Every structure is written in C-alpha cells, then in structure tokens.
Amino acid sequence: MSWKRRAEGAYHHGNLREALIQAARELIKEKGPGGFTFADAARSAGVSPAAPYRHFRDREALLADVAREGFQRFEAMLATGWNSGKPDAMTAFNNVGKAYLAFARAEPAYYAAMFESGLPPDLSPDLRAASERAFGMLRTAADGVVTLLPAGKRPPALMMSLHIWSMAHGIASLFGRGDAGRRTLPMTAEELLESAVLIYLQGLGFSQKS
C-alpha cells in the first residue's frame, strides 16, 4: 500500500493526528526527542511531508501534543497510586512514588517528550494545563500526608511535593538509562525511593506509625 492510500485512510477515518502522535512516540523511543524531523514523523505515519501541517504547525507542536498526552496518562497513574489516600495516607503517598517510577519505566517515549524535549511549558495552554494537573496529584498526596502531623508542626505541602518530585524524578532518570552509561546498583528503583522517602519524612518529624 502506498503512502498516499494510507494517508487517504487516515484522513477518511480522522486518525491522522493520532497516527502522527504514535509515529512520533516510536521515533522518540528509537532516537530520542531531538533525533527526528517533522518529515521523519510524516514518513513513519505513512503520509506526505505536507500532510502533518493539517494538524501541527511544526515539529515542536507535534512534540507538545505527545507531551500533553503523556502528562494526561501520567496524572491518571499518579491518581491510581494515591487512590484517594487509601488504605491510609502514608501508604498511598508511597504508592504515588511507585506510580511515578512505573510510568517512567512503562512509557519512556512519553517521559522523554515530557521532561527531556526542552519544550517550554507554556508552548500551549493544553500542555501547561496537563502538566499542572499531573503535578497537582503530587500536591494532593502531600496535602494528605501533612495532616498526620500536629497543626503547628506541618511542613508546607508545596515544598514536600517538590521534594518528592525531585527524588522520584532523579531516581527514575538514574534507573531509566538503557545504555552502557547506567551504573549497576545494589537495589531496585522502588527500594531506593522508599528508603529515601522514609529518611526524608523522618527528618520532617513523621514516625513510622504516622
């Protein structure tokens, strides 16, 4: 089947946008977010070099849509980990961290588009909104945990969410490398994050019984 016939099918079924996003994801997985051109994405989707302009102004706009979709899925995984604070806030808080690592492992192309593409967060209102909602899940989890401390001893929830984000992101990046540059470590990513969070929370005054 020629690219022309595939493109006609994409137009007919309204799937060209989705096909381009999928093509971009595959290219990101193979070459990284900076390793392909707009024409490469069109070729991988089986359409002409001009066809993507029906939906995207340029390659950066296509990457932004991949990142937006990634943040939406990321938010959903974090929300599942938090599970409305069940069975208890501390367990749910740790599950959010595990969900962060699970997303980075399961969706490397989305993760790279979201955090390694160099896209300005304000490139589009939809991208900004999706990223804010995802971070909002970390803030929600932090809000739930700080209530375990007496009112006068509660750390700022925003500070906590930023610290946990930094820890989870750093560990995800450390373990996410698939090349020879990755060091062999004596523990899993989940074990490292769990111990780091435990030490961090104890430093803030939380006990293991909190």
C-alpha atoms as a PDB file:
ATOM      1  CA  MET A   1       0.000   0.000   0.000  1.00  0.00           C
ATOM      2  CA  SER A   2       1.436   3.390  -0.926  1.00  0.00           C
ATOM      3  CA  TRP A   3       1.749   6.271   1.499  1.00  0.00           C
ATOM      4  CA  LYS A   4      -0.948   8.067  -0.494  1.00  0.00           C
ATOM      5  CA  ARG A   5      -3.532   5.359   0.116  1.00  0.00           C
ATOM      6  CA  ARG A   6      -2.576   5.118   3.804  1.00  0.00           C
ATOM      7  CA  ALA A   7      -2.895   8.879   4.112  1.00  0.00           C
ATOM      8  CA  GLU A   8      -6.312   8.837   2.470  1.00  0.00           C
ATOM      9  CA  GLY A   9      -7.440   6.263   5.022  1.00  0.00           C
ATOM     10  CA  ALA A  10      -6.096   8.393   7.840  1.00  0.00           C
ATOM     11  CA  TYR A  11      -7.952  11.454   6.581  1.00  0.00           C
ATOM     12  CA  HIS A  12     -11.125   9.472   5.984  1.00  0.00           C
ATOM     13  CA  HIS A  13     -11.182   7.998   9.476  1.00  0.00           C
ATOM     14  CA  GLY A  14      -9.994  11.130  11.214  1.00  0.00           C
ATOM     15  CA  ASN A  15      -6.948   9.322  12.605  1.00  0.00           C
ATOM     16  CA  LEU A  16      -4.130  11.337  11.055  1.00  0.00           C
ATOM     17  CA  ARG A  17      -3.433  13.274  14.251  1.00  0.00           C
ATOM     18  CA  GLU A  18      -3.299  10.092  16.317  1.00  0.00           C
ATOM     19  CA  ALA A  19      -1.147   8.367  13.693  1.00  0.00           C
ATOM     20  CA  LEU A  20       1.375  11.205  13.805  1.00  0.00           C
ATOM     21  CA  ILE A  21       1.490  11.159  17.606  1.00  0.00           C
ATOM     22  CA  GLN A  22       2.072   7.406  17.552  1.00  0.00           C
ATOM     23  CA  ALA A  23       4.781   7.800  14.905  1.00  0.00           C
ATOM     24  CA  ALA A  24       6.471  10.494  16.995  1.00  0.00           C
ATOM     25  CA  ARG A  25       6.370   8.258  20.065  1.00  0.00           C
ATOM     26  CA  GLU A  26       8.092   5.441  18.195  1.00  0.00           C
ATOM     27  CA  LEU A  27      10.730   7.800  16.861  1.00  0.00           C
ATOM     28  CA  ILE A  28      11.337   9.257  20.330  1.00  0.00           C
ATOM     29  CA  LYS A  29      11.742   5.749  21.727  1.00  0.00           C
ATOM     30  CA  GLU A  30      14.248   4.923  18.992  1.00  0.00           C
ATOM     31  CA  LYS A  31      16.151   8.192  18.580  1.00  0.00           C
ATOM     32  CA  GLY A  32      15.213  10.457  21.463  1.00  0.00           C
ATOM     33  CA  PRO A  33      13.070  13.613  21.338  1.00  0.00           C
ATOM     34  CA  GLY A  34      15.652  15.522  19.317  1.00  0.00           C
ATOM     35  CA  GLY A  35      16.605  12.752  16.916  1.00  0.00           C
ATOM     36  CA  PHE A  36      13.994  13.061  14.196  1.00  0.00           C
ATOM     37  CA  THR A  37      12.486  15.632  11.870  1.00  0.00           C
ATOM     38  CA  PHE A  38       8.923  16.575  11.037  1.00  0.00           C
ATOM     39  CA  ALA A  39       9.384  14.784   7.712  1.00  0.00           C
ATOM     40  CA  ASP A  40      10.534  11.642   9.558  1.00  0.00           C
ATOM     41  CA  ALA A  41       7.308  11.643  11.556  1.00  0.00           C
ATOM     42  CA  ALA A  42       5.257  12.034   8.379  1.00  0.00           C
ATOM     43  CA  ARG A  43       7.147   9.199   6.704  1.00  0.00           C
ATOM     44  CA  SER A  44       6.668   6.907   9.705  1.00  0.00           C
ATOM     45  CA  ALA A  45       2.956   7.672   9.745  1.00  0.00           C
ATOM     46  CA  GLY A  46       2.770   6.856   6.036  1.00  0.00           C
ATOM     47  CA  VAL A  47       1.747  10.303   4.804  1.00  0.00           C
ATOM     48  CA  SER A  48       3.256  13.024   2.648  1.00  0.00           C
ATOM     49  CA  PRO A  49       5.643  15.597   4.178  1.00  0.00           C
ATOM     50  CA  ALA A  50       2.897  18.221   3.822  1.00  0.00           C
ATOM     51  CA  ALA A  51       0.137  16.204   5.499  1.00  0.00           C
ATOM     52  CA  PRO A  52       1.142  16.882   9.161  1.00  0.00           C
ATOM     53  CA  TYR A  53       0.603  20.601   8.663  1.00  0.00           C
ATOM     54  CA  ARG A  54      -3.129  19.910   8.663  1.00  0.00           C
ATOM     55  CA  HIS A  55      -2.855  19.346  12.416  1.00  0.00           C
ATOM     56  CA  PHE A  56       0.513  20.702  13.608  1.00  0.00           C
ATOM     57  CA  ARG A  57       2.287  23.925  12.823  1.00  0.00           C
ATOM     58  CA  ASP A  58       5.718  22.272  13.134  1.00  0.00           C
ATOM     59  CA  ARG A  59       7.685  19.512  14.826  1.00  0.00           C
ATOM     60  CA  GLU A  60       7.656  21.343  18.158  1.00  0.00           C
ATOM     61  CA  ALA A  61       3.860  21.450  18.142  1.00  0.00           C
ATOM     62  CA  LEU A  62       3.768  17.691  17.464  1.00  0.00           C
ATOM     63  CA  LEU A  63       6.153  17.066  20.370  1.00  0.00           C
ATOM     64  CA  ALA A  64       3.983  19.264  22.578  1.00  0.00           C
ATOM     65  CA  ASP A  65       0.968  17.121  21.801  1.00  0.00           C
ATOM     66  CA  VAL A  66       2.910  13.953  22.624  1.00  0.00           C
ATOM     67  CA  ALA A  67       3.955  15.549  25.919  1.00  0.00           C
ATOM     68  CA  ARG A  68       0.386  16.690  26.650  1.00  0.00           C
ATOM     69  CA  GLU A  69      -0.927  13.180  26.110  1.00  0.00           C
ATOM     70  CA  GLY A  70       1.881  11.835  28.288  1.00  0.00           C
ATOM     71  CA  PHE A  71       1.014  14.172  31.153  1.00  0.00           C
ATOM     72  CA  GLN A  72      -2.611  13.063  30.954  1.00  0.00           C
ATOM     73  CA  ARG A  73      -1.596   9.414  31.303  1.00  0.00           C
ATOM     74  CA  PHE A  74       0.906  10.348  33.999  1.00  0.00           C
ATOM     75  CA  GLU A  75      -1.806  12.091  36.003  1.00  0.00           C
ATOM     76  CA  ALA A  76      -4.027   9.019  35.729  1.00  0.00           C
ATOM     77  CA  MET A  77      -1.274   6.707  37.023  1.00  0.00           C
ATOM     78  CA  LEU A  78      -0.464   9.021  39.926  1.00  0.00           C
ATOM     79  CA  ALA A  79      -4.164   9.258  40.792  1.00  0.00           C
ATOM     80  CA  THR A  80      -4.413   5.461  40.801  1.00  0.00           C
ATOM     81  CA  GLY A  81      -1.412   5.304  43.118  1.00  0.00           C
ATOM     82  CA  TRP A  82      -2.910   7.858  45.501  1.00  0.00           C
ATOM     83  CA  ASN A  83      -6.294   6.097  45.420  1.00  0.00           C
ATOM     84  CA  SER A  84      -7.937   8.904  47.401  1.00  0.00           C
ATOM     85  CA  GLY A  85      -5.498   8.305  50.267  1.00  0.00           C
ATOM     86  CA  LYS A  86      -6.434   4.637  50.758  1.00  0.00           C
ATOM     87  CA  PRO A  87      -5.757   2.422  52.619  1.00  0.00           C
ATOM     88  CA  ASP A  88      -4.009   5.195  54.585  1.00  0.00           C
ATOM     89  CA  ALA A  89      -2.271   8.424  53.659  1.00  0.00           C
ATOM     90  CA  MET A  90       1.290   7.211  54.232  1.00  0.00           C
ATOM     91  CA  THR A  91       0.854   4.031  52.197  1.00  0.00           C
ATOM     92  CA  ALA A  92      -0.889   5.952  49.442  1.00  0.00           C
ATOM     93  CA  PHE A  93       1.901   8.542  49.459  1.00  0.00           C
ATOM     94  CA  ASN A  94       4.482   5.825  48.855  1.00  0.00           C
ATOM     95  CA  ASN A  95       2.286   4.331  46.145  1.00  0.00           C
ATOM     96  CA  VAL A  96       2.347   7.663  44.323  1.00  0.00           C
ATOM     97  CA  GLY A  97       6.141   7.440  44.223  1.00  0.00           C
ATOM     98  CA  LYS A  98       5.946   3.900  42.877  1.00  0.00           C
ATOM     99  CA  ALA A  99       3.466   5.063  40.239  1.00  0.00           C
ATOM    100  CA  TYR A 100       5.943   7.757  39.173  1.00  0.00           C
ATOM    101  CA  LEU A 101       8.649   5.151  38.641  1.00  0.00           C
ATOM    102  CA  ALA A 102       6.226   2.771  36.930  1.00  0.00           C
ATOM    103  CA  PHE A 103       5.210   5.436  34.422  1.00  0.00           C
ATOM    104  CA  ALA A 104       8.820   6.316  33.601  1.00  0.00           C
ATOM    105  CA  ARG A 105       9.580   2.627  33.033  1.00  0.00           C
ATOM    106  CA  ALA A 106       6.448   1.797  31.040  1.00  0.00           C
ATOM    107  CA  GLU A 107       6.240   4.963  28.925  1.00  0.00           C
ATOM    108  CA  PRO A 108       9.805   6.056  28.062  1.00  0.00           C
ATOM    109  CA  ALA A 109       8.738   7.929  24.922  1.00  0.00           C
ATOM    110  CA  TYR A 110       6.091   9.963  26.737  1.00  0.00           C
ATOM    111  CA  TYR A 111       8.510  10.551  29.618  1.00  0.00           C
ATOM    112  CA  ALA A 112      11.196  11.830  27.256  1.00  0.00           C
ATOM    113  CA  ALA A 113       8.747  14.137  25.473  1.00  0.00           C
ATOM    114  CA  MET A 114       7.541  15.499  28.803  1.00  0.00           C
ATOM    115  CA  PHE A 115      10.870  16.040  30.532  1.00  0.00           C
ATOM    116  CA  GLU A 116      13.734  15.776  28.024  1.00  0.00           C
ATOM    117  CA  SER A 117      12.499  17.557  24.900  1.00  0.00           C
ATOM    118  CA  GLY A 118      13.248  21.082  26.110  1.00  0.00           C
ATOM    119  CA  LEU A 119       9.727  22.248  25.297  1.00  0.00           C
ATOM    120  CA  PRO A 120       8.661  25.457  27.058  1.00  0.00           C
ATOM    121  CA  PRO A 121       5.817  24.600  29.487  1.00  0.00           C
ATOM    122  CA  ASP A 122       3.811  27.498  28.088  1.00  0.00           C
ATOM    123  CA  LEU A 123       4.166  26.357  24.485  1.00  0.00           C
ATOM    124  CA  SER A 124       0.428  25.661  24.524  1.00  0.00           C
ATOM    125  CA  PRO A 125      -2.324  26.174  27.120  1.00  0.00           C
ATOM    126  CA  ASP A 126      -3.261  22.482  26.879  1.00  0.00           C
ATOM    127  CA  LEU A 127       0.296  21.362  27.617  1.00  0.00           C
ATOM    128  CA  ARG A 128       0.568  23.711  30.581  1.00  0.00           C
ATOM    129  CA  ALA A 129      -2.795  22.576  31.974  1.00  0.00           C
ATOM    130  CA  ALA A 130      -1.955  18.880  31.608  1.00  0.00           C
ATOM    131  CA  SER A 131       1.412  19.288  33.348  1.00  0.00           C
ATOM    132  CA  GLU A 132      -0.147  21.294  36.174  1.00  0.00           C
ATOM    133  CA  ARG A 133      -2.826  18.645  36.739  1.00  0.00           C
ATOM    134  CA  ALA A 134      -0.175  15.930  36.926  1.00  0.00           C
ATOM    135  CA  PHE A 135       1.883  17.892  39.451  1.00  0.00           C
ATOM    136  CA  GLY A 136      -1.377  18.580  41.275  1.00  0.00           C
ATOM    137  CA  MET A 137      -1.572  14.881  42.132  1.00  0.00           C
ATOM    138  CA  LEU A 138       1.768  15.126  43.961  1.00  0.00           C
ATOM    139  CA  ARG A 139       0.451  18.177  45.798  1.00  0.00           C
ATOM    140  CA  THR A 140      -2.749  16.315  46.704  1.00  0.00           C
ATOM    141  CA  ALA A 141      -0.713  13.445  48.152  1.00  0.00           C
ATOM    142  CA  ALA A 142       1.466  15.859  50.140  1.00  0.00           C
ATOM    143  CA  ASP A 143      -1.650  17.645  51.437  1.00  0.00           C
ATOM    144  CA  GLY A 144      -2.961  14.308  52.660  1.00  0.00           C
ATOM    145  CA  VAL A 145       0.222  13.378  54.478  1.00  0.00           C
ATOM    146  CA  VAL A 146       0.913  16.670  56.282  1.00  0.00           C
ATOM    147  CA  THR A 147      -2.354  16.317  58.179  1.00  0.00           C
ATOM    148  CA  LEU A 148      -0.759  13.432  60.070  1.00  0.00           C
ATOM    149  CA  LEU A 149       1.360  15.948  61.995  1.00  0.00           C
ATOM    150  CA  PRO A 150       0.120  18.429  64.608  1.00  0.00           C
ATOM    151  CA  ALA A 151      -1.053  21.697  63.068  1.00  0.00           C
ATOM    152  CA  GLY A 152       1.910  23.673  64.377  1.00  0.00           C
ATOM    153  CA  LYS A 153       4.494  21.242  63.027  1.00  0.00           C
ATOM    154  CA  ARG A 154       3.277  20.722  59.486  1.00  0.00           C
ATOM    155  CA  PRO A 155       5.770  21.453  56.681  1.00  0.00           C
ATOM    156  CA  PRO A 156       4.492  23.280  53.594  1.00  0.00           C
ATOM    157  CA  ALA A 157       2.755  20.769  51.332  1.00  0.00           C
ATOM    158  CA  LEU A 158       4.091  22.508  48.226  1.00  0.00           C
ATOM    159  CA  MET A 159       7.654  22.111  49.481  1.00  0.00           C
ATOM    160  CA  MET A 160       7.038  18.428  50.184  1.00  0.00           C
ATOM    161  CA  SER A 161       5.565  17.804  46.749  1.00  0.00           C
ATOM    162  CA  LEU A 162       8.561  19.480  45.098  1.00  0.00           C
ATOM    163  CA  HIS A 163      10.995  17.432  47.170  1.00  0.00           C
ATOM    164  CA  ILE A 164       9.225  14.156  46.413  1.00  0.00           C
ATOM    165  CA  TRP A 165       9.035  15.060  42.743  1.00  0.00           C
ATOM    166  CA  SER A 166      12.779  15.719  42.716  1.00  0.00           C
ATOM    167  CA  MET A 167      13.568  12.415  44.398  1.00  0.00           C
ATOM    168  CA  ALA A 168      11.269  10.342  42.194  1.00  0.00           C
ATOM    169  CA  HIS A 169      12.414  12.097  39.034  1.00  0.00           C
ATOM    170  CA  GLY A 170      16.084  11.699  39.866  1.00  0.00           C
ATOM    171  CA  ILE A 171      15.718   8.004  40.642  1.00  0.00           C
ATOM    172  CA  ALA A 172      13.599   7.411  37.536  1.00  0.00           C
ATOM    173  CA  SER A 173      16.277   9.072  35.412  1.00  0.00           C
ATOM    174  CA  LEU A 174      19.071   7.159  37.123  1.00  0.00           C
ATOM    175  CA  PHE A 175      17.437   3.790  36.523  1.00  0.00           C
ATOM    176  CA  GLY A 176      15.944   4.699  33.166  1.00  0.00           C
ATOM    177  CA  ARG A 177      19.174   4.631  31.199  1.00  0.00           C
ATOM    178  CA  GLY A 178      19.379   1.648  28.903  1.00  0.00           C
ATOM    179  CA  ASP A 179      22.927   2.208  27.644  1.00  0.00           C
ATOM    180  CA  ALA A 180      26.382   1.419  28.953  1.00  0.00           C
ATOM    181  CA  GLY A 181      26.363   4.630  30.986  1.00  0.00           C
ATOM    182  CA  ARG A 182      24.000   3.151  33.554  1.00  0.00           C
ATOM    183  CA  ARG A 183      25.678   2.011  36.737  1.00  0.00           C
ATOM    184  CA  THR A 184      24.865  -1.328  38.307  1.00  0.00           C
ATOM    185  CA  LEU A 185      23.134  -0.593  41.596  1.00  0.00           C
ATOM    186  CA  PRO A 186      22.576  -2.974  44.538  1.00  0.00           C
ATOM    187  CA  MET A 187      18.862  -2.172  44.875  1.00  0.00           C
ATOM    188  CA  THR A 188      15.775  -1.576  42.798  1.00  0.00           C
ATOM    189  CA  ALA A 189      14.449   1.865  41.956  1.00  0.00           C
ATOM    190  CA  GLU A 190      11.470   1.234  44.229  1.00  0.00           C
ATOM    191  CA  GLU A 191      13.691   0.243  47.148  1.00  0.00           C
ATOM    192  CA  LEU A 192      15.854   3.306  46.704  1.00  0.00           C
ATOM    193  CA  LEU A 193      12.860   5.648  46.545  1.00  0.00           C
ATOM    194  CA  GLU A 194      11.157   4.015  49.533  1.00  0.00           C
ATOM    195  CA  SER A 195      14.254   4.374  51.712  1.00  0.00           C
ATOM    196  CA  ALA A 196      14.831   7.954  50.546  1.00  0.00           C
ATOM    197  CA  VAL A 197      11.232   8.930  51.304  1.00  0.00           C
ATOM    198  CA  LEU A 198      11.403   7.249  54.718  1.00  0.00           C
ATOM    199  CA  ILE A 199      14.538   9.183  55.680  1.00  0.00           C
ATOM    200  CA  TYR A 200      13.037  12.401  54.323  1.00  0.00           C
ATOM    201  CA  LEU A 201       9.769  12.012  56.224  1.00  0.00           C
ATOM    202  CA  GLN A 202      11.542  11.109  59.451  1.00  0.00           C
ATOM    203  CA  GLY A 203      13.560  14.298  59.078  1.00  0.00           C
ATOM    204  CA  LEU A 204      10.300  16.239  58.927  1.00  0.00           C
ATOM    205  CA  GLY A 205       9.046  14.654  62.129  1.00  0.00           C
ATOM    206  CA  PHE A 206       6.970  11.789  60.773  1.00  0.00           C
ATOM    207  CA  SER A 207       7.247   8.484  62.560  1.00  0.00           C
ATOM    208  CA  GLN A 208       6.857   5.039  61.041  1.00  0.00           C
ATOM    209  CA  LYS A 209       3.497   4.853  62.818  1.00  0.00           C
ATOM    210  CA  SER A 210       2.209   8.085  61.207  1.00  0.00           C
END
